[in-house]
Amino acid sequence: MFGDLFGKLQEAQSKMKESKERLSHITVDGEAGDGAVKVVVTGNREVKSIDVAEHLLEKDNKEELEDLLITALNRALKNAENAWESEMKGIAGGMLGPLGGLF
């Protein structure tokens, strides 16, 4: 009984490691200000790039830039969270068999 449980725990740990690796190669983005600010993050929620339109780099646009950065980052991170959740549901479904669909 415990051997089977231990085996399943090891399998889950291995699948989690594989999933984290896959998520590190998945990129999602978030935009704000009609594309004036673009942020790219991995499925593991690591920021890979931030692109800012030139006009936002002017001194008078500091507050607008800050607001747009926050919005774009939050959107990208939400998309990364969705990718992460999808990946984890796949693991849960595989580990729990028919019960995996409940999560």
N, C-alpha and C. Protein backbone atom coordinates (compact mmCIF):
# COMPACT_ATOMS: atom_id res chain seq x y z
N MET A 1 0.82 -1.19 0.00
CA MET A 1 0.00 0.00 0.00
C MET A 1 0.87 1.27 0.00
N PHE A 2 1.82 1.34 0.96
CA PHE A 2 2.67 2.52 1.05
C PHE A 2 3.64 2.60 -0.13
N GLY A 3 4.05 1.44 -0.61
CA GLY A 3 4.94 1.41 -1.77
C GLY A 3 4.27 2.01 -2.98
N ASP A 4 2.99 1.69 -3.16
CA ASP A 4 2.22 2.25 -4.27
C ASP A 4 2.07 3.75 -4.11
N LEU A 5 1.80 4.20 -2.91
CA LEU A 5 1.65 5.63 -2.63
C LEU A 5 2.97 6.35 -2.85
N PHE A 6 4.06 5.77 -2.39
CA PHE A 6 5.38 6.36 -2.58
C PHE A 6 5.71 6.46 -4.07
N GLY A 7 5.36 5.42 -4.81
CA GLY A 7 5.58 5.43 -6.25
C GLY A 7 4.80 6.54 -6.93
N LYS A 8 3.56 6.73 -6.51
CA LYS A 8 2.73 7.80 -7.08
C LYS A 8 3.28 9.18 -6.73
N LEU A 9 3.80 9.32 -5.52
CA LEU A 9 4.40 10.59 -5.13
C LEU A 9 5.65 10.89 -5.95
N GLN A 10 6.45 9.88 -6.19
CA GLN A 10 7.64 10.06 -7.02
C GLN A 10 7.25 10.42 -8.45
N GLU A 11 6.21 9.76 -8.95
CA GLU A 11 5.72 10.05 -10.30
C GLU A 11 5.21 11.49 -10.38
N ALA A 12 4.46 11.92 -9.36
CA ALA A 12 3.95 13.28 -9.34
C ALA A 12 5.09 14.29 -9.30
N GLN A 13 6.11 14.02 -8.51
CA GLN A 13 7.26 14.91 -8.41
C GLN A 13 7.97 15.01 -9.76
N SER A 14 8.11 13.89 -10.42
CA SER A 14 8.75 13.87 -11.74
C SER A 14 7.92 14.66 -12.75
N LYS A 15 6.61 14.48 -12.72
CA LYS A 15 5.73 15.20 -13.66
C LYS A 15 5.74 16.70 -13.37
N MET A 16 5.83 17.07 -12.11
CA MET A 16 5.90 18.50 -11.77
C MET A 16 7.18 19.11 -12.34
N LYS A 17 8.28 18.39 -12.21
CA LYS A 17 9.55 18.88 -12.74
C LYS A 17 9.46 19.04 -14.26
N GLU A 18 8.88 18.07 -14.93
CA GLU A 18 8.71 18.14 -16.38
C GLU A 18 7.82 19.32 -16.76
N SER A 19 6.76 19.53 -15.99
CA SER A 19 5.83 20.63 -16.27
C SER A 19 6.51 21.97 -16.11
N LYS A 20 7.30 22.12 -15.06
CA LYS A 20 8.03 23.38 -14.86
C LYS A 20 8.97 23.65 -16.02
N GLU A 21 9.59 22.60 -16.51
CA GLU A 21 10.49 22.74 -17.65
C GLU A 21 9.70 23.19 -18.89
N ARG A 22 8.56 22.55 -19.14
CA ARG A 22 7.73 22.94 -20.29
C ARG A 22 7.25 24.38 -20.14
N LEU A 23 6.84 24.75 -18.94
CA LEU A 23 6.34 26.11 -18.70
C LEU A 23 7.43 27.15 -18.89
N SER A 24 8.68 26.77 -18.66
CA SER A 24 9.76 27.74 -18.84
C SER A 24 9.96 28.07 -20.32
N HIS A 25 9.45 27.23 -21.21
CA HIS A 25 9.57 27.46 -22.64
C HIS A 25 8.31 28.06 -23.26
N ILE A 26 7.26 28.16 -22.48
CA ILE A 26 6.02 28.78 -22.96
C ILE A 26 6.07 30.26 -22.62
N THR A 27 5.80 31.09 -23.60
CA THR A 27 5.74 32.52 -23.32
C THR A 27 4.34 33.04 -23.60
N VAL A 28 3.92 33.95 -22.76
CA VAL A 28 2.64 34.63 -22.92
C VAL A 28 2.90 36.12 -22.79
N ASP A 29 1.97 36.91 -23.29
CA ASP A 29 2.21 38.34 -23.23
C ASP A 29 1.02 39.08 -22.63
N GLY A 30 1.28 40.33 -22.35
CA GLY A 30 0.26 41.25 -21.87
C GLY A 30 0.56 42.60 -22.47
N GLU A 31 -0.50 43.31 -22.85
CA GLU A 31 -0.34 44.63 -23.46
C GLU A 31 -1.20 45.64 -22.73
N ALA A 32 -0.83 46.90 -22.92
CA ALA A 32 -1.63 48.00 -22.39
C ALA A 32 -1.42 49.20 -23.31
N GLY A 33 -2.39 50.10 -23.28
CA GLY A 33 -2.28 51.32 -24.08
C GLY A 33 -2.24 51.04 -25.57
N ASP A 34 -3.12 50.15 -26.03
CA ASP A 34 -3.16 49.78 -27.46
C ASP A 34 -1.80 49.34 -27.97
N GLY A 35 -1.09 48.56 -27.16
CA GLY A 35 0.21 48.03 -27.57
C GLY A 35 1.39 48.93 -27.27
N ALA A 36 1.16 50.06 -26.60
CA ALA A 36 2.26 50.96 -26.27
C ALA A 36 3.23 50.32 -25.28
N VAL A 37 2.72 49.41 -24.45
CA VAL A 37 3.57 48.66 -23.52
C VAL A 37 3.24 47.19 -23.71
N LYS A 38 4.28 46.40 -23.95
CA LYS A 38 4.13 44.96 -24.14
C LYS A 38 5.08 44.24 -23.20
N VAL A 39 4.56 43.22 -22.53
CA VAL A 39 5.36 42.45 -21.58
C VAL A 39 5.25 40.97 -21.97
N VAL A 40 6.37 40.27 -21.95
CA VAL A 40 6.40 38.84 -22.23
C VAL A 40 6.92 38.13 -20.98
N VAL A 41 6.18 37.10 -20.55
CA VAL A 41 6.60 36.30 -19.40
C VAL A 41 6.50 34.82 -19.77
N THR A 42 7.22 33.99 -19.02
CA THR A 42 7.13 32.54 -19.23
C THR A 42 5.94 32.00 -18.45
N GLY A 43 5.63 30.75 -18.73
CA GLY A 43 4.57 30.07 -17.98
C GLY A 43 4.91 29.93 -16.51
N ASN A 44 6.19 30.09 -16.17
CA ASN A 44 6.62 30.07 -14.76
C ASN A 44 6.62 31.47 -14.15
N ARG A 45 6.05 32.42 -14.86
CA ARG A 45 5.89 33.80 -14.39
C ARG A 45 7.20 34.56 -14.25
N GLU A 46 8.13 34.28 -15.14
CA GLU A 46 9.40 35.01 -15.19
C GLU A 46 9.31 36.02 -16.33
N VAL A 47 9.53 37.30 -16.01
CA VAL A 47 9.47 38.34 -17.02
C VAL A 47 10.66 38.18 -17.97
N LYS A 48 10.37 38.09 -19.27
CA LYS A 48 11.42 37.92 -20.28
C LYS A 48 11.72 39.22 -21.01
N SER A 49 10.69 40.03 -21.26
CA SER A 49 10.94 41.29 -21.96
C SER A 49 9.83 42.29 -21.69
N ILE A 50 10.22 43.56 -21.81
CA ILE A 50 9.28 44.68 -21.71
C ILE A 50 9.61 45.62 -22.86
N ASP A 51 8.59 45.93 -23.65
CA ASP A 51 8.76 46.84 -24.78
C ASP A 51 7.88 48.07 -24.54
N VAL A 52 8.49 49.24 -24.62
CA VAL A 52 7.78 50.50 -24.34
C VAL A 52 7.90 51.40 -25.56
N ALA A 53 6.76 51.95 -25.99
CA ALA A 53 6.76 52.88 -27.12
C ALA A 53 7.56 54.13 -26.75
N GLU A 54 8.26 54.67 -27.73
CA GLU A 54 9.13 55.83 -27.53
C GLU A 54 8.43 57.01 -26.85
N HIS A 55 7.20 57.29 -27.26
CA HIS A 55 6.54 58.49 -26.72
C HIS A 55 6.30 58.41 -25.21
N LEU A 56 6.29 57.20 -24.67
CA LEU A 56 6.09 57.05 -23.23
C LEU A 56 7.36 57.31 -22.43
N LEU A 57 8.48 57.41 -23.09
CA LEU A 57 9.75 57.62 -22.40
C LEU A 57 10.02 59.10 -22.12
N GLU A 58 9.14 59.95 -22.59
CA GLU A 58 9.30 61.38 -22.32
C GLU A 58 8.94 61.68 -20.87
N LYS A 59 9.56 62.68 -20.31
CA LYS A 59 9.40 63.03 -18.90
C LYS A 59 7.94 63.22 -18.49
N ASP A 60 7.16 63.87 -19.34
CA ASP A 60 5.77 64.16 -19.00
C ASP A 60 4.88 62.92 -18.98
N ASN A 61 5.38 61.80 -19.45
CA ASN A 61 4.56 60.59 -19.54
C ASN A 61 4.90 59.56 -18.45
N LYS A 62 5.60 59.99 -17.42
CA LYS A 62 6.05 59.07 -16.37
C LYS A 62 4.88 58.31 -15.73
N GLU A 63 3.85 59.02 -15.31
CA GLU A 63 2.72 58.37 -14.64
C GLU A 63 1.98 57.43 -15.58
N GLU A 64 1.79 57.86 -16.82
CA GLU A 64 1.12 57.01 -17.80
C GLU A 64 1.92 55.73 -18.02
N LEU A 65 3.23 55.88 -18.16
CA LEU A 65 4.09 54.71 -18.35
C LEU A 65 3.98 53.76 -17.17
N GLU A 66 4.04 54.28 -15.97
CA GLU A 66 3.93 53.43 -14.78
C GLU A 66 2.60 52.68 -14.75
N ASP A 67 1.51 53.38 -15.05
CA ASP A 67 0.20 52.74 -15.06
C ASP A 67 0.11 51.66 -16.13
N LEU A 68 0.64 51.95 -17.31
CA LEU A 68 0.59 50.98 -18.40
C LEU A 68 1.48 49.77 -18.12
N LEU A 69 2.62 50.00 -17.49
CA LEU A 69 3.49 48.88 -17.11
C LEU A 69 2.79 47.95 -16.12
N ILE A 70 2.14 48.52 -15.15
CA ILE A 70 1.41 47.71 -14.16
C ILE A 70 0.32 46.90 -14.85
N THR A 71 -0.44 47.55 -15.71
CA THR A 71 -1.52 46.88 -16.41
C THR A 71 -0.99 45.75 -17.29
N ALA A 72 0.04 46.04 -18.09
CA ALA A 72 0.60 45.03 -18.98
C ALA A 72 1.20 43.86 -18.20
N LEU A 73 1.93 44.15 -17.13
CA LEU A 73 2.51 43.09 -16.30
C LEU A 73 1.43 42.22 -15.68
N ASN A 74 0.39 42.84 -15.14
CA ASN A 74 -0.69 42.07 -14.54
C ASN A 74 -1.39 41.18 -15.57
N ARG A 75 -1.59 41.69 -16.77
CA ARG A 75 -2.22 40.88 -17.83
C ARG A 75 -1.33 39.71 -18.22
N ALA A 76 -0.03 39.97 -18.38
CA ALA A 76 0.89 38.89 -18.75
C ALA A 76 0.97 37.84 -17.64
N LEU A 77 1.02 38.29 -16.40
CA LEU A 77 1.10 37.34 -15.29
C LEU A 77 -0.18 36.53 -15.15
N LYS A 78 -1.32 37.13 -15.45
CA LYS A 78 -2.59 36.40 -15.42
C LYS A 78 -2.59 35.33 -16.51
N ASN A 79 -2.10 35.68 -17.70
CA ASN A 79 -2.00 34.70 -18.78
C ASN A 79 -1.05 33.57 -18.41
N ALA A 80 0.05 33.90 -17.74
CA ALA A 80 0.99 32.88 -17.28
C ALA A 80 0.35 31.99 -16.23
N GLU A 81 -0.44 32.57 -15.36
CA GLU A 81 -1.14 31.79 -14.34
C GLU A 81 -2.10 30.81 -15.00
N ASN A 82 -2.81 31.26 -16.03
CA ASN A 82 -3.73 30.38 -16.74
C ASN A 82 -2.98 29.22 -17.40
N ALA A 83 -1.82 29.50 -17.99
CA ALA A 83 -1.00 28.44 -18.59
C ALA A 83 -0.54 27.46 -17.52
N TRP A 84 -0.12 27.98 -16.37
CA TRP A 84 0.33 27.13 -15.27
C TRP A 84 -0.81 26.24 -14.77
N GLU A 85 -1.99 26.84 -14.60
CA GLU A 85 -3.15 26.07 -14.11
C GLU A 85 -3.52 24.96 -15.09
N SER A 86 -3.47 25.26 -16.38
CA SER A 86 -3.77 24.23 -17.38
C SER A 86 -2.78 23.08 -17.29
N GLU A 87 -1.52 23.41 -17.13
CA GLU A 87 -0.48 22.39 -17.02
C GLU A 87 -0.70 21.54 -15.77
N MET A 88 -1.04 22.16 -14.65
CA MET A 88 -1.23 21.43 -13.40
C MET A 88 -2.49 20.56 -13.46
N LYS A 89 -3.52 21.03 -14.15
CA LYS A 89 -4.73 20.20 -14.30
C LYS A 89 -4.40 18.94 -15.07
N GLY A 90 -3.51 19.06 -16.05
CA GLY A 90 -3.10 17.89 -16.80
C GLY A 90 -2.40 16.87 -15.91
N ILE A 91 -1.59 17.36 -15.01
CA ILE A 91 -0.90 16.46 -14.07
C ILE A 91 -1.91 15.82 -13.14
N ALA A 92 -2.80 16.63 -12.58
CA ALA A 92 -3.80 16.10 -11.64
C ALA A 92 -4.68 15.06 -12.32
N GLY A 93 -5.08 15.34 -13.54
CA GLY A 93 -5.91 14.41 -14.27
C GLY A 93 -5.20 13.10 -14.53
N GLY A 94 -3.92 13.18 -14.86
CA GLY A 94 -3.15 11.98 -15.11
C GLY A 94 -2.91 11.16 -13.85
N MET A 95 -2.78 11.83 -12.73
CA MET A 95 -2.50 11.13 -11.49
C MET A 95 -3.76 10.55 -10.86
N LEU A 96 -4.89 11.24 -11.04
CA LEU A 96 -6.10 10.81 -10.34
C LEU A 96 -7.04 10.01 -11.23
N GLY A 97 -6.67 9.79 -12.48
CA GLY A 97 -7.52 9.05 -13.39
C GLY A 97 -8.84 9.78 -13.62
N PRO A 98 -9.96 9.08 -13.49
CA PRO A 98 -11.26 9.70 -13.76
C PRO A 98 -11.59 10.84 -12.80
N LEU A 99 -10.99 10.84 -11.63
CA LEU A 99 -11.26 11.90 -10.66
C LEU A 99 -10.56 13.21 -11.05
N GLY A 100 -9.56 13.15 -11.91
CA GLY A 100 -8.80 14.34 -12.32
C GLY A 100 -9.68 15.40 -12.96
N GLY A 101 -10.76 14.99 -13.61
CA GLY A 101 -11.66 15.94 -14.24
C GLY A 101 -12.42 16.81 -13.25
N LEU A 102 -12.38 16.44 -11.98
CA LEU A 102 -13.09 17.22 -10.96
C LEU A 102 -12.33 18.47 -10.59
N PHE A 103 -11.06 18.59 -10.96
CA PHE A 103 -10.22 19.71 -10.55
C PHE A 103 -10.05 20.70 -11.64
